[in-house]
Amino acid sequence: MRKIRETLRLRAAGLSIRQIAASLVVSIGVVSKYLELAAAAGLGWPLPESLDDSALQRALFGPTSEPASRRYAAPDYAA
């Protein structure tokens, strides 16, 4: 979440996607994806104070799904 927050801050400061990617040591595609997710969620810089990391994750990525270990039954290795 730190890099997402930093991406939004740097974009608001006027940096290009390439400059943000170089600054955060991530790919241009990652920066573009973060900015697209934030725009779709209606978020920009500055983020609201009440938006903690878990709320930001839910806003950008939706509710988390349960792990695969809970969705599928364990195989019967004895059989």
C-alpha atoms as a PDB file:
ATOM      1  CA  MET A   1       0.000   0.000   0.000  1.00  0.00           C
ATOM      2  CA  ARG A   2       2.958   2.289   0.596  1.00  0.00           C
ATOM      3  CA  LYS A   3       3.916   2.245  -3.082  1.00  0.00           C
ATOM      4  CA  ILE A   4       0.334   2.904  -4.139  1.00  0.00           C
ATOM      5  CA  ARG A   5       0.160   5.922  -1.842  1.00  0.00           C
ATOM      6  CA  GLU A   6       3.530   7.133  -3.108  1.00  0.00           C
ATOM      7  CA  THR A   7       2.424   6.648  -6.726  1.00  0.00           C
ATOM      8  CA  LEU A   8      -0.610   8.878  -6.166  1.00  0.00           C
ATOM      9  CA  ARG A   9       1.487  11.490  -4.359  1.00  0.00           C
ATOM     10  CA  LEU A  10       4.123  11.640  -7.078  1.00  0.00           C
ATOM     11  CA  ARG A  11       1.516  11.811  -9.839  1.00  0.00           C
ATOM     12  CA  ALA A  12      -0.164  14.735  -8.061  1.00  0.00           C
ATOM     13  CA  ALA A  13       3.259  16.393  -7.887  1.00  0.00           C
ATOM     14  CA  GLY A  14       3.393  16.286 -11.689  1.00  0.00           C
ATOM     15  CA  LEU A  15       5.808  13.428 -12.334  1.00  0.00           C
ATOM     16  CA  SER A  16       5.394  11.271 -15.418  1.00  0.00           C
ATOM     17  CA  ILE A  17       4.635   7.575 -15.240  1.00  0.00           C
ATOM     18  CA  ARG A  18       8.231   6.790 -16.246  1.00  0.00           C
ATOM     19  CA  GLN A  19       9.622   9.041 -13.518  1.00  0.00           C
ATOM     20  CA  ILE A  20       7.346   7.472 -10.907  1.00  0.00           C
ATOM     21  CA  ALA A  21       8.348   3.969 -12.023  1.00  0.00           C
ATOM     22  CA  ALA A  22      12.043   4.832 -11.764  1.00  0.00           C
ATOM     23  CA  SER A  23      11.582   6.471  -8.382  1.00  0.00           C
ATOM     24  CA  LEU A  24       9.695   3.527  -6.880  1.00  0.00           C
ATOM     25  CA  VAL A  25      11.706   0.845  -8.720  1.00  0.00           C
ATOM     26  CA  VAL A  26       8.605  -0.736 -10.256  1.00  0.00           C
ATOM     27  CA  SER A  27       7.553  -1.237 -13.858  1.00  0.00           C
ATOM     28  CA  ILE A  28       5.670   1.325 -15.902  1.00  0.00           C
ATOM     29  CA  GLY A  29       2.808  -1.159 -16.120  1.00  0.00           C
ATOM     30  CA  VAL A  30       2.524  -1.342 -12.335  1.00  0.00           C
ATOM     31  CA  VAL A  31       2.350   2.445 -12.059  1.00  0.00           C
ATOM     32  CA  SER A  32      -0.264   2.583 -14.808  1.00  0.00           C
ATOM     33  CA  LYS A  33      -2.328  -0.128 -13.113  1.00  0.00           C
ATOM     34  CA  TYR A  34      -2.196   1.658  -9.742  1.00  0.00           C
ATOM     35  CA  LEU A  35      -3.318   4.910 -11.347  1.00  0.00           C
ATOM     36  CA  GLU A  36      -6.131   3.168 -13.243  1.00  0.00           C
ATOM     37  CA  LEU A  37      -7.366   1.439 -10.081  1.00  0.00           C
ATOM     38  CA  ALA A  38      -7.296   4.705  -8.148  1.00  0.00           C
ATOM     39  CA  ALA A  39      -9.168   6.549 -10.903  1.00  0.00           C
ATOM     40  CA  ALA A  40     -11.801   3.802 -11.075  1.00  0.00           C
ATOM     41  CA  ALA A  41     -12.242   4.016  -7.297  1.00  0.00           C
ATOM     42  CA  GLY A  42     -12.473   7.813  -7.457  1.00  0.00           C
ATOM     43  CA  LEU A  43      -9.350   8.284  -5.364  1.00  0.00           C
ATOM     44  CA  GLY A  44      -6.698  10.929  -5.785  1.00  0.00           C
ATOM     45  CA  TRP A  45      -4.061  12.680  -3.768  1.00  0.00           C
ATOM     46  CA  PRO A  46      -4.376  13.576  -0.949  1.00  0.00           C
ATOM     47  CA  LEU A  47      -6.116  10.466   0.284  1.00  0.00           C
ATOM     48  CA  PRO A  48      -8.634  10.887   3.090  1.00  0.00           C
ATOM     49  CA  GLU A  49      -7.144  10.558   6.583  1.00  0.00           C
ATOM     50  CA  SER A  50      -9.712   7.888   7.438  1.00  0.00           C
ATOM     51  CA  LEU A  51      -8.464   5.633   4.623  1.00  0.00           C
ATOM     52  CA  ASP A  52      -6.086   3.161   6.266  1.00  0.00           C
ATOM     53  CA  ASP A  53      -4.230   0.435   4.375  1.00  0.00           C
ATOM     54  CA  SER A  54      -6.983  -2.171   4.626  1.00  0.00           C
ATOM     55  CA  ALA A  55      -9.651   0.306   3.485  1.00  0.00           C
ATOM     56  CA  LEU A  56      -7.430   1.398   0.598  1.00  0.00           C
ATOM     57  CA  GLN A  57      -6.926  -2.218  -0.450  1.00  0.00           C
ATOM     58  CA  ARG A  58     -10.687  -2.856  -0.395  1.00  0.00           C
ATOM     59  CA  ALA A  59     -11.341   0.329  -2.377  1.00  0.00           C
ATOM     60  CA  LEU A  60      -8.833  -0.574  -5.086  1.00  0.00           C
ATOM     61  CA  PHE A  61      -9.023  -4.356  -5.292  1.00  0.00           C
ATOM     62  CA  GLY A  62     -12.451  -5.147  -3.845  1.00  0.00           C
ATOM     63  CA  PRO A  63     -13.102  -7.603  -1.051  1.00  0.00           C
ATOM     64  CA  THR A  64     -10.523 -10.306  -0.692  1.00  0.00           C
ATOM     65  CA  SER A  65     -11.576 -13.787  -1.588  1.00  0.00           C
ATOM     66  CA  GLU A  66     -10.995 -16.684   0.724  1.00  0.00           C
ATOM     67  CA  PRO A  67      -7.787 -18.676   0.239  1.00  0.00           C
ATOM     68  CA  ALA A  68      -7.789 -21.638  -2.130  1.00  0.00           C
ATOM     69  CA  SER A  69      -7.251 -23.987   0.805  1.00  0.00           C
ATOM     70  CA  ARG A  70     -10.762 -23.191   2.011  1.00  0.00           C
ATOM     71  CA  ARG A  71     -12.430 -23.441  -1.401  1.00  0.00           C
ATOM     72  CA  TYR A  72     -11.265 -26.942  -2.271  1.00  0.00           C
ATOM     73  CA  ALA A  73     -11.321 -30.152  -0.297  1.00  0.00           C
ATOM     74  CA  ALA A  74      -7.943 -31.639   0.544  1.00  0.00           C
ATOM     75  CA  PRO A  75      -7.062 -34.639  -1.628  1.00  0.00           C
ATOM     76  CA  ASP A  76      -7.361 -38.099  -0.126  1.00  0.00           C
ATOM     77  CA  TYR A  77      -3.761 -39.250  -0.536  1.00  0.00           C
ATOM     78  CA  ALA A  78      -4.465 -42.687   0.962  1.00  0.00           C
ATOM     79  CA  ALA A  79      -6.895 -43.520  -1.844  1.00  0.00           C
END
